């Protein structure tokens, strides 16, 4: 049986979540600092929660899952990309994670703008909102631990 466009989008989003989980787990294996490694693994756990949400998603429950819009703090607009190294600081790990979430948010925003129908648009709105929530959590951490304490 062929997939509906909504099911195809959910499948695509699940693949992106699995990719993010692998990224964070691989990154954690390369980090020597145990505290930073745990931080990275908690990011993988957040992606697992997102994956679980997507697995339970259906065209009928998308509207019910749409939450209020969050403001984008846009902290990443003022940060340069960070290259991976074994000696990443907490700040650099947060930057890598925020930039990943920002790229996912941008992808879903673009796809939302191109959606052919309202149901598809709502699905991309939901996915975009989830990425923005992840980004906002990371930005709050960055603001509190790096900008004000740094």
N, C-alpha and C. Protein backbone atom coordinates (compact mmCIF):
# COMPACT_ATOMS: atom_id res chain seq x y z
N UNK A 1 0.85 -1.18 0.00
CA UNK A 1 0.00 0.00 0.00
C UNK A 1 0.89 1.24 0.00
N UNK A 2 0.67 2.16 -0.93
CA UNK A 2 1.50 3.37 -0.97
C UNK A 2 1.22 4.28 0.23
N UNK A 3 2.24 5.01 0.61
CA UNK A 3 2.10 5.95 1.72
C UNK A 3 1.37 7.21 1.28
N UNK A 4 0.61 7.79 2.20
CA UNK A 4 -0.01 9.09 1.92
C UNK A 4 1.08 10.15 2.06
N UNK A 5 0.85 11.35 1.51
CA UNK A 5 1.84 12.42 1.68
C UNK A 5 2.16 12.68 3.16
N UNK A 6 1.17 12.63 4.03
CA UNK A 6 1.39 12.86 5.46
C UNK A 6 2.29 11.76 6.02
N UNK A 7 2.01 10.51 5.66
CA UNK A 7 2.83 9.40 6.15
C UNK A 7 4.26 9.50 5.61
N UNK A 8 4.41 9.95 4.39
CA UNK A 8 5.75 10.13 3.81
C UNK A 8 6.52 11.21 4.56
N UNK A 9 5.85 12.28 4.93
CA UNK A 9 6.49 13.36 5.67
C UNK A 9 6.90 12.87 7.06
N UNK A 10 6.02 12.12 7.70
CA UNK A 10 6.34 11.57 9.02
C UNK A 10 7.54 10.63 8.91
N UNK A 11 7.57 9.81 7.88
CA UNK A 11 8.69 8.91 7.66
C UNK A 11 9.99 9.70 7.45
N UNK A 12 9.92 10.76 6.66
CA UNK A 12 11.08 11.64 6.43
C UNK A 12 11.55 12.24 7.76
N UNK A 13 10.60 12.74 8.55
CA UNK A 13 10.94 13.36 9.83
C UNK A 13 11.55 12.33 10.79
N UNK A 14 11.02 11.11 10.78
CA UNK A 14 11.59 10.05 11.61
C UNK A 14 13.03 9.77 11.22
N UNK A 15 13.30 9.75 9.93
CA UNK A 15 14.68 9.55 9.46
C UNK A 15 15.59 10.68 9.96
N UNK A 16 15.09 11.90 9.96
CA UNK A 16 15.89 13.04 10.45
C UNK A 16 16.15 12.90 11.95
N UNK A 17 15.16 12.44 12.70
CA UNK A 17 15.34 12.25 14.14
C UNK A 17 16.37 11.16 14.41
N UNK A 18 16.27 10.06 13.68
CA UNK A 18 17.24 8.97 13.85
C UNK A 18 18.65 9.45 13.52
N UNK A 19 18.77 10.28 12.49
CA UNK A 19 20.06 10.85 12.13
C UNK A 19 20.60 11.73 13.27
N UNK A 20 19.73 12.51 13.88
CA UNK A 20 20.15 13.36 15.00
C UNK A 20 20.56 12.52 16.20
N UNK A 21 19.83 11.46 16.48
CA UNK A 21 20.19 10.58 17.59
C UNK A 21 21.59 10.00 17.35
N UNK A 22 21.83 9.50 16.14
CA UNK A 22 23.15 8.95 15.81
C UNK A 22 24.24 10.01 15.94
N UNK A 23 23.93 11.24 15.46
CA UNK A 23 24.91 12.32 15.54
C UNK A 23 25.31 12.58 16.99
N UNK A 24 24.32 12.74 17.87
CA UNK A 24 24.61 13.05 19.27
C UNK A 24 25.30 11.87 19.97
N UNK A 25 24.90 10.65 19.65
CA UNK A 25 25.56 9.50 20.26
C UNK A 25 27.01 9.39 19.79
N UNK A 26 27.24 9.61 18.50
CA UNK A 26 28.61 9.59 17.98
C UNK A 26 29.45 10.70 18.61
N UNK A 27 28.85 11.87 18.72
CA UNK A 27 29.54 13.00 19.33
C UNK A 27 29.90 12.67 20.79
N UNK A 28 28.97 12.09 21.52
CA UNK A 28 29.21 11.74 22.93
C UNK A 28 30.37 10.76 23.07
N UNK A 29 30.48 9.82 22.15
CA UNK A 29 31.58 8.86 22.22
C UNK A 29 32.94 9.52 22.04
N UNK A 30 32.96 10.66 21.38
CA UNK A 30 34.22 11.35 21.11
C UNK A 30 34.59 12.38 22.16
N UNK A 31 33.69 12.63 23.09
CA UNK A 31 33.93 13.63 24.13
C UNK A 31 34.52 12.94 25.35
N UNK A 32 35.64 13.44 25.83
CA UNK A 32 36.29 12.83 26.98
C UNK A 32 35.71 13.31 28.30
N UNK A 33 35.26 14.53 28.38
CA UNK A 33 34.72 15.09 29.62
C UNK A 33 33.38 14.42 29.92
N UNK A 34 33.27 13.73 31.08
CA UNK A 34 32.03 12.99 31.38
C UNK A 34 30.80 13.89 31.52
N UNK A 35 30.95 15.09 32.03
CA UNK A 35 29.81 16.00 32.18
C UNK A 35 29.30 16.43 30.81
N UNK A 36 30.21 16.78 29.92
CA UNK A 36 29.81 17.17 28.57
C UNK A 36 29.22 15.99 27.81
N UNK A 37 29.79 14.79 28.04
CA UNK A 37 29.27 13.59 27.38
C UNK A 37 27.80 13.37 27.80
N UNK A 38 27.51 13.55 29.08
CA UNK A 38 26.13 13.39 29.56
C UNK A 38 25.21 14.45 28.95
N UNK A 39 25.72 15.65 28.78
CA UNK A 39 24.93 16.71 28.15
C UNK A 39 24.55 16.31 26.73
N UNK A 40 25.51 15.80 26.01
CA UNK A 40 25.26 15.37 24.63
C UNK A 40 24.27 14.20 24.61
N UNK A 41 24.44 13.25 25.51
CA UNK A 41 23.52 12.12 25.55
C UNK A 41 22.10 12.56 25.90
N UNK A 42 21.97 13.62 26.70
CA UNK A 42 20.62 14.13 27.01
C UNK A 42 19.99 14.74 25.76
N UNK A 43 20.82 15.30 24.87
CA UNK A 43 20.30 15.81 23.60
C UNK A 43 19.78 14.66 22.74
N UNK A 44 20.49 13.54 22.75
CA UNK A 44 20.03 12.36 22.02
C UNK A 44 18.70 11.88 22.60
N UNK A 45 18.57 11.94 23.93
CA UNK A 45 17.31 11.55 24.57
C UNK A 45 16.16 12.45 24.14
N UNK A 46 16.42 13.74 23.99
CA UNK A 46 15.38 14.67 23.51
C UNK A 46 14.94 14.28 22.11
N UNK A 47 15.89 13.87 21.28
CA UNK A 47 15.54 13.45 19.92
C UNK A 47 14.74 12.16 19.94
N UNK A 48 15.03 11.26 20.89
CA UNK A 48 14.24 10.04 21.03
C UNK A 48 12.79 10.36 21.39
N UNK A 49 12.60 11.35 22.25
CA UNK A 49 11.24 11.77 22.60
C UNK A 49 10.52 12.31 21.37
N UNK A 50 11.24 13.05 20.56
CA UNK A 50 10.67 13.58 19.33
C UNK A 50 10.31 12.42 18.39
N UNK A 51 11.19 11.43 18.32
CA UNK A 51 10.93 10.26 17.48
C UNK A 51 9.67 9.54 17.97
N UNK A 52 9.52 9.39 19.28
CA UNK A 52 8.33 8.74 19.85
C UNK A 52 7.06 9.51 19.50
N UNK A 53 7.14 10.85 19.59
CA UNK A 53 5.99 11.69 19.21
C UNK A 53 5.62 11.42 17.76
N UNK A 54 6.60 11.39 16.87
CA UNK A 54 6.33 11.17 15.45
C UNK A 54 5.73 9.79 15.19
N UNK A 55 6.20 8.78 15.91
CA UNK A 55 5.67 7.43 15.71
C UNK A 55 4.19 7.35 16.09
N UNK A 56 3.76 8.18 17.03
CA UNK A 56 2.36 8.18 17.43
C UNK A 56 1.51 9.17 16.67
N UNK A 57 2.10 9.82 15.70
CA UNK A 57 1.41 10.88 14.96
C UNK A 57 0.53 10.30 13.86
N UNK A 58 -0.64 10.89 13.70
CA UNK A 58 -1.53 10.52 12.60
C UNK A 58 -2.15 11.81 12.07
N UNK A 59 -2.68 11.76 10.86
CA UNK A 59 -3.32 12.97 10.33
C UNK A 59 -4.42 13.51 11.24
N UNK A 60 -5.05 12.63 12.02
CA UNK A 60 -6.15 13.06 12.88
C UNK A 60 -5.70 13.79 14.14
N UNK A 61 -4.50 13.49 14.66
CA UNK A 61 -4.11 14.11 15.92
C UNK A 61 -3.10 15.25 15.78
N UNK A 62 -2.78 15.64 14.57
CA UNK A 62 -1.82 16.73 14.36
C UNK A 62 -2.33 18.02 14.99
N UNK A 63 -3.55 18.39 14.71
CA UNK A 63 -4.11 19.64 15.22
C UNK A 63 -4.07 19.68 16.75
N UNK A 64 -4.39 18.56 17.38
CA UNK A 64 -4.40 18.51 18.85
C UNK A 64 -3.01 18.69 19.44
N UNK A 65 -1.98 18.33 18.69
CA UNK A 65 -0.62 18.41 19.19
C UNK A 65 0.04 19.77 18.94
N UNK A 66 -0.58 20.57 18.09
CA UNK A 66 0.00 21.90 17.83
C UNK A 66 -0.06 22.74 19.10
N UNK A 67 1.08 23.24 19.50
CA UNK A 67 1.13 24.06 20.71
C UNK A 67 1.28 25.52 20.33
N UNK A 68 1.35 26.35 21.34
CA UNK A 68 1.55 27.78 21.07
C UNK A 68 2.93 28.01 20.47
N UNK A 69 3.02 29.03 19.66
CA UNK A 69 4.30 29.36 19.04
C UNK A 69 5.26 29.89 20.09
N UNK A 70 6.50 29.52 19.95
CA UNK A 70 7.55 30.03 20.83
C UNK A 70 8.31 31.13 20.11
N UNK A 71 8.78 32.10 20.84
CA UNK A 71 9.63 33.10 20.18
C UNK A 71 11.00 32.50 19.90
N UNK A 72 11.58 32.85 18.80
CA UNK A 72 12.93 32.44 18.46
C UNK A 72 13.88 33.48 19.04
N UNK A 73 14.75 33.08 19.97
CA UNK A 73 15.68 34.01 20.60
C UNK A 73 16.75 34.49 19.61
N UNK A 74 16.93 33.74 18.53
CA UNK A 74 17.86 34.07 17.45
C UNK A 74 19.31 34.21 17.91
N UNK A 75 19.66 33.56 19.00
CA UNK A 75 21.04 33.59 19.47
C UNK A 75 21.98 33.05 18.41
N UNK A 76 21.53 32.01 17.71
CA UNK A 76 22.40 31.39 16.71
C UNK A 76 22.71 32.32 15.54
N UNK A 77 21.91 33.34 15.36
CA UNK A 77 22.18 34.29 14.28
C UNK A 77 23.51 35.01 14.49
N UNK A 78 23.98 35.05 15.72
CA UNK A 78 25.17 35.81 16.05
C UNK A 78 26.36 34.92 16.39
N UNK A 79 26.23 33.63 16.13
CA UNK A 79 27.29 32.68 16.45
C UNK A 79 27.83 32.05 15.17
N UNK A 80 29.12 31.80 15.16
CA UNK A 80 29.72 31.12 14.01
C UNK A 80 29.67 29.62 14.25
N UNK A 81 29.68 28.86 13.16
CA UNK A 81 29.68 27.41 13.27
C UNK A 81 30.95 26.95 13.98
N UNK A 82 30.84 25.85 14.68
CA UNK A 82 31.96 25.29 15.42
C UNK A 82 32.34 23.96 14.77
N UNK A 83 33.62 23.75 14.59
CA UNK A 83 34.11 22.49 14.07
C UNK A 83 34.31 21.51 15.22
N UNK A 84 34.08 20.24 14.95
CA UNK A 84 34.24 19.24 15.99
C UNK A 84 35.71 19.07 16.37
N UNK A 85 35.94 18.90 17.65
CA UNK A 85 37.24 18.48 18.17
C UNK A 85 36.96 17.70 19.45
N UNK A 86 37.94 16.94 19.92
CA UNK A 86 37.76 16.17 21.15
C UNK A 86 37.72 17.06 22.37
N UNK A 87 38.18 18.28 22.24
CA UNK A 87 38.27 19.19 23.38
C UNK A 87 37.21 20.28 23.34
N UNK A 88 36.01 19.95 22.87
CA UNK A 88 34.96 20.96 22.79
C UNK A 88 34.59 21.46 24.18
N UNK A 89 34.35 22.74 24.26
CA UNK A 89 33.86 23.32 25.51
C UNK A 89 32.35 23.15 25.56
N UNK A 90 31.78 23.39 26.73
CA UNK A 90 30.33 23.33 26.88
C UNK A 90 29.67 24.32 25.92
N UNK A 91 30.24 25.51 25.82
CA UNK A 91 29.72 26.53 24.91
C UNK A 91 29.71 26.01 23.47
N UNK A 92 30.78 25.38 23.05
CA UNK A 92 30.87 24.90 21.67
C UNK A 92 29.87 23.77 21.40
N UNK A 93 29.67 22.91 22.38
CA UNK A 93 28.69 21.84 22.23
C UNK A 93 27.30 22.43 22.08
N UNK A 94 26.98 23.42 22.90
CA UNK A 94 25.67 24.07 22.78
C UNK A 94 25.51 24.72 21.41
N UNK A 95 26.57 25.34 20.90
CA UNK A 95 26.50 25.99 19.59
C UNK A 95 26.22 24.95 18.51
N UNK A 96 26.94 23.82 18.55
CA UNK A 96 26.71 22.76 17.56
C UNK A 96 25.26 22.30 17.61
N UNK A 97 24.76 22.05 18.81
CA UNK A 97 23.38 21.57 18.96
C UNK A 97 22.36 22.63 18.50
N UNK A 98 22.57 23.88 18.90
CA UNK A 98 21.64 24.95 18.49
C UNK A 98 21.62 25.10 16.98
N UNK A 99 22.79 25.03 16.35
CA UNK A 99 22.86 25.17 14.89
C UNK A 99 22.15 24.02 14.18
N UNK A 100 22.26 22.80 14.73
CA UNK A 100 21.55 21.65 14.15
C UNK A 100 20.04 21.86 14.23
N UNK A 101 19.57 22.30 15.39
CA UNK A 101 18.13 22.53 15.56
C UNK A 101 17.67 23.68 14.65
N UNK A 102 18.49 24.69 14.51
CA UNK A 102 18.16 25.82 13.64
C UNK A 102 18.00 25.36 12.20
N UNK A 103 18.88 24.49 11.74
CA UNK A 103 18.80 23.98 10.37
C UNK A 103 17.55 23.14 10.16
N UNK A 104 17.20 22.33 11.15
CA UNK A 104 15.97 21.54 11.05
C UNK A 104 14.75 22.45 11.02
N UNK A 105 14.75 23.46 11.86
CA UNK A 105 13.65 24.44 11.89
C UNK A 105 13.52 25.11 10.52
N UNK A 106 14.64 25.52 9.94
CA UNK A 106 14.62 26.18 8.63
C UNK A 106 14.09 25.24 7.55
N UNK A 107 14.49 23.98 7.61
CA UNK A 107 14.00 23.00 6.63
C UNK A 107 12.49 22.87 6.71
N UNK A 108 11.96 22.67 7.92
CA UNK A 108 10.52 22.50 8.07
C UNK A 108 9.77 23.79 7.75
N UNK A 109 10.37 24.94 8.00
CA UNK A 109 9.74 26.21 7.64
C UNK A 109 9.61 26.33 6.12
N UNK A 110 10.66 25.95 5.43
CA UNK A 110 10.64 26.00 3.97
C UNK A 110 9.60 25.02 3.41
N UNK A 111 9.57 23.82 3.96
CA UNK A 111 8.60 22.83 3.50
C UNK A 111 7.17 23.25 3.83
N UNK A 112 6.98 23.90 4.98
CA UNK A 112 5.66 24.41 5.34
C UNK A 112 5.19 25.44 4.32
N UNK A 113 6.09 26.31 3.91
CA UNK A 113 5.74 27.35 2.94
C UNK A 113 5.37 26.76 1.58
N UNK A 114 5.91 25.58 1.27
CA UNK A 114 5.65 24.93 -0.02
C UNK A 114 4.52 23.90 0.03
N UNK A 115 3.95 23.70 1.19
CA UNK A 115 2.92 22.66 1.35
C UNK A 115 1.75 22.91 0.41
N UNK A 116 1.24 21.82 -0.13
CA UNK A 116 0.16 21.91 -1.10
C UNK A 116 -1.22 21.99 -0.47
N UNK A 117 -1.34 21.56 0.79
CA UNK A 117 -2.66 21.57 1.42
C UNK A 117 -2.53 21.90 2.90
N UNK A 118 -3.66 22.15 3.52
CA UNK A 118 -3.68 22.58 4.92
C UNK A 118 -3.17 21.50 5.87
N UNK A 119 -3.52 20.24 5.64
CA UNK A 119 -3.07 19.15 6.52
C UNK A 119 -1.55 19.03 6.50
N UNK A 120 -0.98 19.12 5.33
CA UNK A 120 0.48 19.04 5.19
C UNK A 120 1.13 20.25 5.86
N UNK A 121 0.55 21.40 5.68
CA UNK A 121 1.06 22.63 6.29
C UNK A 121 1.06 22.50 7.82
N UNK A 122 -0.02 21.96 8.36
CA UNK A 122 -0.12 21.77 9.82
C UNK A 122 0.93 20.79 10.33
N UNK A 123 1.20 19.75 9.55
CA UNK A 123 2.23 18.79 9.94
C UNK A 123 3.60 19.47 10.00
N UNK A 124 3.91 20.26 8.98
CA UNK A 124 5.20 20.97 9.00
C UNK A 124 5.24 22.00 10.11
N UNK A 125 4.11 22.60 10.40
CA UNK A 125 4.04 23.56 11.52
C UNK A 125 4.37 22.84 12.83
N UNK A 126 3.82 21.65 13.01
CA UNK A 126 4.10 20.86 14.21
C UNK A 126 5.59 20.51 14.29
N UNK A 127 6.14 20.01 13.19
CA UNK A 127 7.56 19.63 13.17
C UNK A 127 8.45 20.83 13.42
N UNK A 128 8.11 21.94 12.81
CA UNK A 128 8.86 23.18 13.00
C UNK A 128 8.81 23.61 14.46
N UNK A 129 7.64 23.50 15.07
CA UNK A 129 7.49 23.88 16.48
C UNK A 129 8.33 23.01 17.40
N UNK A 130 8.41 21.71 17.09
CA UNK A 130 9.24 20.81 17.91
C UNK A 130 10.71 21.20 17.82
N UNK A 131 11.17 21.51 16.62
CA UNK A 131 12.57 21.92 16.46
C UNK A 131 12.84 23.24 17.18
N UNK A 132 11.88 24.14 17.12
CA UNK A 132 12.05 25.43 17.80
C UNK A 132 12.07 25.25 19.31
N UNK A 133 11.27 24.30 19.81
CA UNK A 133 11.30 24.01 21.25
C UNK A 133 12.67 23.50 21.68
N UNK A 134 13.23 22.58 20.89
CA UNK A 134 14.57 22.08 21.20
C UNK A 134 15.59 23.22 21.17
N UNK A 135 15.49 24.04 20.15
CA UNK A 135 16.42 25.16 20.01
C UNK A 135 16.27 26.14 21.17
N UNK A 136 15.03 26.42 21.56
CA UNK A 136 14.78 27.35 22.66
C UNK A 136 15.35 26.82 23.97
N UNK A 137 15.22 25.53 24.21
CA UNK A 137 15.79 24.93 25.41
C UNK A 137 17.30 25.12 25.43
N UNK A 138 17.94 24.86 24.30
CA UNK A 138 19.39 25.03 24.20
C UNK A 138 19.79 26.49 24.33
N UNK A 139 19.01 27.39 23.72
CA UNK A 139 19.34 28.82 23.80
C UNK A 139 19.20 29.34 25.23
N UNK A 140 18.22 28.85 25.96
CA UNK A 140 18.08 29.28 27.36
C UNK A 140 19.28 28.80 28.17
N UNK A 141 19.70 27.59 27.91
CA UNK A 141 20.89 27.06 28.59
C UNK A 141 22.11 27.90 28.23
N UNK A 142 22.24 28.22 26.95
CA UNK A 142 23.37 29.04 26.49
C UNK A 142 23.33 30.42 27.14
N UNK A 143 22.14 31.00 27.15
CA UNK A 143 21.99 32.33 27.74
C UNK A 143 22.36 32.32 29.23
N UNK A 144 21.88 31.33 29.94
CA UNK A 144 22.11 31.27 31.38
C UNK A 144 23.51 30.86 31.78
N UNK A 145 24.09 29.93 31.04
CA UNK A 145 25.40 29.39 31.44
C UNK A 145 26.58 29.99 30.71
N UNK A 146 26.35 30.55 29.53
CA UNK A 146 27.47 31.07 28.76
C UNK A 146 27.44 32.61 28.73
N UNK A 147 26.32 33.17 28.33
CA UNK A 147 26.27 34.63 28.19
C UNK A 147 26.39 35.34 29.53
N UNK A 148 25.70 34.82 30.55
CA UNK A 148 25.68 35.52 31.83
C UNK A 148 26.77 35.05 32.78
N UNK A 149 27.18 33.78 32.66
CA UNK A 149 28.23 33.29 33.53
C UNK A 149 29.59 33.32 32.89
N UNK A 150 29.62 33.34 31.53
CA UNK A 150 30.87 33.26 30.80
C UNK A 150 31.72 34.44 31.00
